[in-house]
Amino acid sequence: MNFSIQSVYNWYRDTLRNPKYRWWIILGTLAYLVSPIDIAPDFLPVIGQIDDLAIAVLLISEVSQMAIDHFKSRQTEKDSASEATSTYSEGTARTVDVEASSVQ
């Protein structure tokens, strides 16, 4: 089995973006952060805080990226809906048919 930090990160990100498991991952991450049982125990001066900080940064960055993507998609849907209604209602007002004839 090929174990790497990148594979763990990809698993975490993909699972967090799955709506079925999203809240379980968020709650599990928060439980890990407050739990005294860690990969590196918190009583170790620097290393104990670094793993908690890395997990917290990972959670915050992924959740904020999902929120940004959600708001962008809502804005795109809103813009396309308003564009569709404005094109339909103003489409005939913008089109002008002109017949030209020479005047002598």
N, C-alpha and C. Protein backbone atom coordinates (compact mmCIF):
# COMPACT_ATOMS: atom_id res chain seq x y z
N MET A 1 0.84 -1.18 0.00
CA MET A 1 0.00 0.00 0.00
C MET A 1 0.88 1.24 0.00
N ASN A 2 0.57 2.15 -0.88
CA ASN A 2 1.35 3.36 -1.02
C ASN A 2 0.76 4.45 -0.13
N PHE A 3 1.47 4.78 0.96
CA PHE A 3 1.01 5.77 1.92
C PHE A 3 1.84 7.04 1.77
N SER A 4 1.15 8.15 1.59
CA SER A 4 1.85 9.43 1.54
C SER A 4 0.93 10.51 2.09
N ILE A 5 1.53 11.64 2.41
CA ILE A 5 0.76 12.77 2.90
C ILE A 5 -0.21 13.26 1.83
N GLN A 6 0.22 13.24 0.59
CA GLN A 6 -0.64 13.68 -0.52
C GLN A 6 -1.87 12.79 -0.66
N SER A 7 -1.71 11.49 -0.48
CA SER A 7 -2.87 10.59 -0.58
C SER A 7 -3.85 10.82 0.57
N VAL A 8 -3.34 11.09 1.76
CA VAL A 8 -4.21 11.39 2.90
C VAL A 8 -4.95 12.71 2.66
N TYR A 9 -4.23 13.70 2.14
CA TYR A 9 -4.84 14.99 1.83
C TYR A 9 -5.94 14.85 0.77
N ASN A 10 -5.66 14.10 -0.28
CA ASN A 10 -6.66 13.89 -1.33
C ASN A 10 -7.89 13.16 -0.80
N TRP A 11 -7.67 12.16 0.05
CA TRP A 11 -8.81 11.45 0.65
C TRP A 11 -9.64 12.40 1.50
N TYR A 12 -8.98 13.21 2.32
CA TYR A 12 -9.67 14.15 3.21
C TYR A 12 -10.49 15.15 2.38
N ARG A 13 -9.87 15.73 1.36
CA ARG A 13 -10.55 16.73 0.52
C ARG A 13 -11.73 16.11 -0.22
N ASP A 14 -11.55 14.95 -0.80
CA ASP A 14 -12.62 14.32 -1.56
C ASP A 14 -13.78 13.90 -0.65
N THR A 15 -13.47 13.39 0.53
CA THR A 15 -14.51 12.98 1.46
C THR A 15 -15.25 14.19 2.02
N LEU A 16 -14.52 15.26 2.27
CA LEU A 16 -15.15 16.47 2.79
C LEU A 16 -16.07 17.10 1.75
N ARG A 17 -15.76 16.98 0.49
CA ARG A 17 -16.60 17.54 -0.57
C ARG A 17 -17.80 16.65 -0.91
N ASN A 18 -17.84 15.46 -0.37
CA ASN A 18 -18.99 14.58 -0.56
C ASN A 18 -20.06 14.95 0.46
N PRO A 19 -21.25 15.38 0.01
CA PRO A 19 -22.27 15.84 0.96
C PRO A 19 -22.70 14.76 1.96
N LYS A 20 -22.57 13.51 1.59
CA LYS A 20 -23.00 12.43 2.48
C LYS A 20 -22.12 12.34 3.73
N TYR A 21 -20.82 12.60 3.58
CA TYR A 21 -19.87 12.44 4.68
C TYR A 21 -19.34 13.76 5.23
N ARG A 22 -19.77 14.88 4.67
CA ARG A 22 -19.20 16.18 5.02
C ARG A 22 -19.26 16.47 6.53
N TRP A 23 -20.43 16.35 7.14
CA TRP A 23 -20.57 16.68 8.55
C TRP A 23 -19.82 15.69 9.44
N TRP A 24 -19.72 14.44 9.02
CA TRP A 24 -18.96 13.47 9.81
C TRP A 24 -17.48 13.85 9.83
N ILE A 25 -16.96 14.27 8.70
CA ILE A 25 -15.55 14.67 8.62
C ILE A 25 -15.30 15.93 9.44
N ILE A 26 -16.20 16.90 9.34
CA ILE A 26 -16.03 18.14 10.11
C ILE A 26 -16.09 17.85 11.61
N LEU A 27 -17.07 17.07 12.04
CA LEU A 27 -17.19 16.73 13.47
C LEU A 27 -16.00 15.90 13.94
N GLY A 28 -15.55 14.96 13.11
CA GLY A 28 -14.39 14.15 13.47
C GLY A 28 -13.12 14.98 13.59
N THR A 29 -12.96 15.95 12.70
CA THR A 29 -11.80 16.83 12.76
C THR A 29 -11.84 17.70 14.02
N LEU A 30 -13.01 18.24 14.33
CA LEU A 30 -13.13 19.05 15.54
C LEU A 30 -12.91 18.21 16.79
N ALA A 31 -13.39 16.97 16.79
CA ALA A 31 -13.16 16.08 17.94
C ALA A 31 -11.67 15.77 18.08
N TYR A 32 -10.98 15.59 16.97
CA TYR A 32 -9.54 15.33 17.00
C TYR A 32 -8.79 16.53 17.59
N LEU A 33 -9.24 17.73 17.23
CA LEU A 33 -8.56 18.94 17.71
C LEU A 33 -8.70 19.13 19.21
N VAL A 34 -9.83 18.76 19.78
CA VAL A 34 -10.02 18.95 21.23
C VAL A 34 -9.63 17.71 22.03
N SER A 35 -9.41 16.61 21.37
CA SER A 35 -9.06 15.37 22.06
C SER A 35 -7.60 15.40 22.54
N PRO A 36 -7.34 14.85 23.70
CA PRO A 36 -5.95 14.76 24.15
C PRO A 36 -5.18 13.64 23.45
N ILE A 37 -5.89 12.75 22.77
CA ILE A 37 -5.24 11.65 22.06
C ILE A 37 -5.00 12.11 20.62
N ASP A 38 -3.75 12.34 20.28
CA ASP A 38 -3.35 12.84 18.97
C ASP A 38 -2.24 11.97 18.39
N ILE A 39 -1.88 12.29 17.16
CA ILE A 39 -0.70 11.66 16.56
C ILE A 39 0.53 12.08 17.36
N ALA A 40 0.63 13.39 17.63
CA ALA A 40 1.68 13.92 18.49
C ALA A 40 0.98 14.54 19.70
N PRO A 41 1.12 13.97 20.89
CA PRO A 41 0.41 14.47 22.07
C PRO A 41 0.71 15.95 22.34
N ASP A 42 -0.30 16.63 22.88
CA ASP A 42 -0.19 18.07 23.08
C ASP A 42 0.78 18.46 24.19
N PHE A 43 1.18 17.53 25.03
CA PHE A 43 2.11 17.90 26.10
C PHE A 43 3.54 18.06 25.58
N LEU A 44 3.81 17.60 24.34
CA LEU A 44 5.11 17.87 23.73
C LEU A 44 5.11 19.33 23.28
N PRO A 45 6.12 20.09 23.63
CA PRO A 45 6.07 21.54 23.49
C PRO A 45 5.70 22.07 22.10
N VAL A 46 6.36 21.73 21.05
CA VAL A 46 6.09 22.31 19.74
C VAL A 46 5.37 21.34 18.83
N ILE A 47 5.80 20.13 18.81
CA ILE A 47 5.25 19.14 17.88
C ILE A 47 3.78 18.86 18.17
N GLY A 48 3.39 18.90 19.42
CA GLY A 48 2.00 18.65 19.79
C GLY A 48 1.05 19.69 19.23
N GLN A 49 1.50 20.92 19.14
CA GLN A 49 0.66 21.98 18.60
C GLN A 49 0.72 22.04 17.08
N ILE A 50 1.82 21.62 16.48
CA ILE A 50 1.97 21.68 15.03
C ILE A 50 0.97 20.77 14.33
N ASP A 51 0.77 19.55 14.82
CA ASP A 51 -0.18 18.67 14.15
C ASP A 51 -1.61 19.19 14.27
N ASP A 52 -1.96 19.75 15.44
CA ASP A 52 -3.29 20.34 15.59
C ASP A 52 -3.46 21.55 14.67
N LEU A 53 -2.43 22.36 14.58
CA LEU A 53 -2.48 23.53 13.71
C LEU A 53 -2.62 23.12 12.25
N ALA A 54 -1.88 22.10 11.84
CA ALA A 54 -1.97 21.64 10.45
C ALA A 54 -3.36 21.12 10.12
N ILE A 55 -3.96 20.36 11.02
CA ILE A 55 -5.31 19.84 10.81
C ILE A 55 -6.33 20.98 10.77
N ALA A 56 -6.17 21.96 11.66
CA ALA A 56 -7.10 23.11 11.69
C ALA A 56 -6.99 23.93 10.41
N VAL A 57 -5.77 24.15 9.93
CA VAL A 57 -5.58 24.90 8.69
C VAL A 57 -6.18 24.14 7.52
N LEU A 58 -6.00 22.84 7.49
CA LEU A 58 -6.58 22.02 6.43
C LEU A 58 -8.10 22.11 6.43
N LEU A 59 -8.70 21.98 7.59
CA LEU A 59 -10.16 22.07 7.69
C LEU A 59 -10.67 23.45 7.26
N ILE A 60 -10.05 24.50 7.78
CA ILE A 60 -10.49 25.86 7.45
C ILE A 60 -10.32 26.16 5.97
N SER A 61 -9.21 25.75 5.38
CA SER A 61 -8.98 26.04 3.97
C SER A 61 -9.97 25.29 3.08
N GLU A 62 -10.24 24.05 3.39
CA GLU A 62 -11.16 23.28 2.57
C GLU A 62 -12.60 23.77 2.71
N VAL A 63 -13.03 24.08 3.92
CA VAL A 63 -14.39 24.57 4.12
C VAL A 63 -14.55 25.95 3.48
N SER A 64 -13.55 26.81 3.60
CA SER A 64 -13.65 28.13 2.97
C SER A 64 -13.65 28.01 1.45
N GLN A 65 -12.88 27.09 0.88
CA GLN A 65 -12.89 26.90 -0.57
C GLN A 65 -14.24 26.37 -1.05
N MET A 66 -14.85 25.48 -0.26
CA MET A 66 -16.19 24.99 -0.62
C MET A 66 -17.21 26.12 -0.55
N ALA A 67 -17.08 27.01 0.44
CA ALA A 67 -18.00 28.15 0.55
C ALA A 67 -17.83 29.11 -0.62
N ILE A 68 -16.60 29.38 -1.01
CA ILE A 68 -16.34 30.26 -2.15
C ILE A 68 -16.92 29.66 -3.42
N ASP A 69 -16.70 28.37 -3.64
CA ASP A 69 -17.26 27.70 -4.83
C ASP A 69 -18.78 27.75 -4.82
N HIS A 70 -19.38 27.57 -3.65
CA HIS A 70 -20.84 27.61 -3.54
C HIS A 70 -21.38 28.99 -3.88
N PHE A 71 -20.76 30.05 -3.34
CA PHE A 71 -21.22 31.40 -3.62
C PHE A 71 -21.00 31.79 -5.07
N LYS A 72 -19.89 31.34 -5.67
CA LYS A 72 -19.65 31.62 -7.09
C LYS A 72 -20.69 30.93 -7.96
N SER A 73 -21.04 29.69 -7.64
CA SER A 73 -22.03 28.98 -8.44
C SER A 73 -23.40 29.61 -8.30
N ARG A 74 -23.74 30.07 -7.09
CA ARG A 74 -25.02 30.76 -6.90
C ARG A 74 -25.05 32.06 -7.67
N GLN A 75 -23.92 32.80 -7.69
CA GLN A 75 -23.86 34.05 -8.43
C GLN A 75 -23.97 33.80 -9.92
N THR A 76 -23.33 32.74 -10.42
CA THR A 76 -23.42 32.39 -11.82
C THR A 76 -24.84 32.02 -12.21
N GLU A 77 -25.51 31.23 -11.35
CA GLU A 77 -26.90 30.87 -11.62
C GLU A 77 -27.79 32.11 -11.60
N LYS A 78 -27.54 33.00 -10.67
CA LYS A 78 -28.33 34.22 -10.56
C LYS A 78 -28.12 35.12 -11.79
N ASP A 79 -26.85 35.24 -12.23
CA ASP A 79 -26.55 36.06 -13.40
C ASP A 79 -27.15 35.46 -14.66
N SER A 80 -27.07 34.14 -14.81
CA SER A 80 -27.62 33.50 -16.01
C SER A 80 -29.14 33.58 -16.02
N ALA A 81 -29.76 33.50 -14.86
CA ALA A 81 -31.22 33.61 -14.79
C ALA A 81 -31.66 35.03 -15.12
N SER A 82 -30.96 36.04 -14.60
CA SER A 82 -31.33 37.42 -14.90
C SER A 82 -31.03 37.75 -16.35
N GLU A 83 -29.97 37.19 -16.90
CA GLU A 83 -29.64 37.41 -18.31
C GLU A 83 -30.68 36.77 -19.22
N ALA A 84 -31.16 35.61 -18.84
CA ALA A 84 -32.17 34.92 -19.65
C ALA A 84 -33.47 35.71 -19.65
N THR A 85 -33.88 36.24 -18.52
CA THR A 85 -35.12 37.01 -18.47
C THR A 85 -34.96 38.35 -19.16
N SER A 86 -33.80 38.99 -19.03
CA SER A 86 -33.61 40.28 -19.70
C SER A 86 -33.49 40.10 -21.21
N THR A 87 -32.88 39.02 -21.67
CA THR A 87 -32.77 38.77 -23.10
C THR A 87 -34.15 38.49 -23.70
N TYR A 88 -34.97 37.77 -22.96
CA TYR A 88 -36.30 37.44 -23.45
C TYR A 88 -37.18 38.69 -23.51
N SER A 89 -37.16 39.51 -22.48
CA SER A 89 -38.05 40.66 -22.44
C SER A 89 -37.53 41.82 -23.27
N GLU A 90 -36.22 41.98 -23.40
CA GLU A 90 -35.66 43.09 -24.14
C GLU A 90 -35.21 42.67 -25.54
N GLY A 91 -35.32 41.41 -25.86
CA GLY A 91 -34.82 40.94 -27.15
C GLY A 91 -35.50 41.61 -28.33
N THR A 92 -36.78 41.81 -28.26
CA THR A 92 -37.47 42.47 -29.37
C THR A 92 -37.25 43.97 -29.35
N ALA A 93 -36.98 44.56 -28.19
CA ALA A 93 -36.77 46.00 -28.12
C ALA A 93 -35.41 46.39 -28.69
N ARG A 94 -34.44 45.50 -28.68
CA ARG A 94 -33.12 45.83 -29.20
C ARG A 94 -33.01 45.59 -30.70
N THR A 95 -33.90 44.84 -31.27
CA THR A 95 -33.82 44.54 -32.70
C THR A 95 -34.62 45.58 -33.46
N VAL A 96 -33.96 46.21 -34.42
CA VAL A 96 -34.62 47.23 -35.22
C VAL A 96 -34.45 46.83 -36.68
N ASP A 97 -35.58 46.72 -37.39
CA ASP A 97 -35.57 46.45 -38.82
C ASP A 97 -35.71 47.77 -39.55
N VAL A 98 -34.84 48.02 -40.50
CA VAL A 98 -34.86 49.29 -41.23
C VAL A 98 -34.85 48.98 -42.72
N GLU A 99 -35.74 49.65 -43.43
CA GLU A 99 -35.71 49.58 -44.89
C GLU A 99 -35.20 50.92 -45.40
N ALA A 100 -34.17 50.85 -46.15
CA ALA A 100 -33.57 52.09 -46.63
C ALA A 100 -34.00 52.33 -48.08
N SER A 101 -34.28 53.58 -48.37
CA SER A 101 -34.58 53.99 -49.74
C SER A 101 -33.89 55.30 -49.98
N SER A 102 -33.44 55.51 -51.17
CA SER A 102 -32.71 56.73 -51.48
C SER A 102 -33.69 57.88 -51.70
N VAL A 103 -33.32 59.06 -51.23
CA VAL A 103 -34.14 60.25 -51.39
C VAL A 103 -33.41 61.18 -52.36
N GLN A 104 -34.17 61.70 -53.40
CA GLN A 104 -33.52 62.57 -54.39
C GLN A 104 -34.06 63.93 -54.36
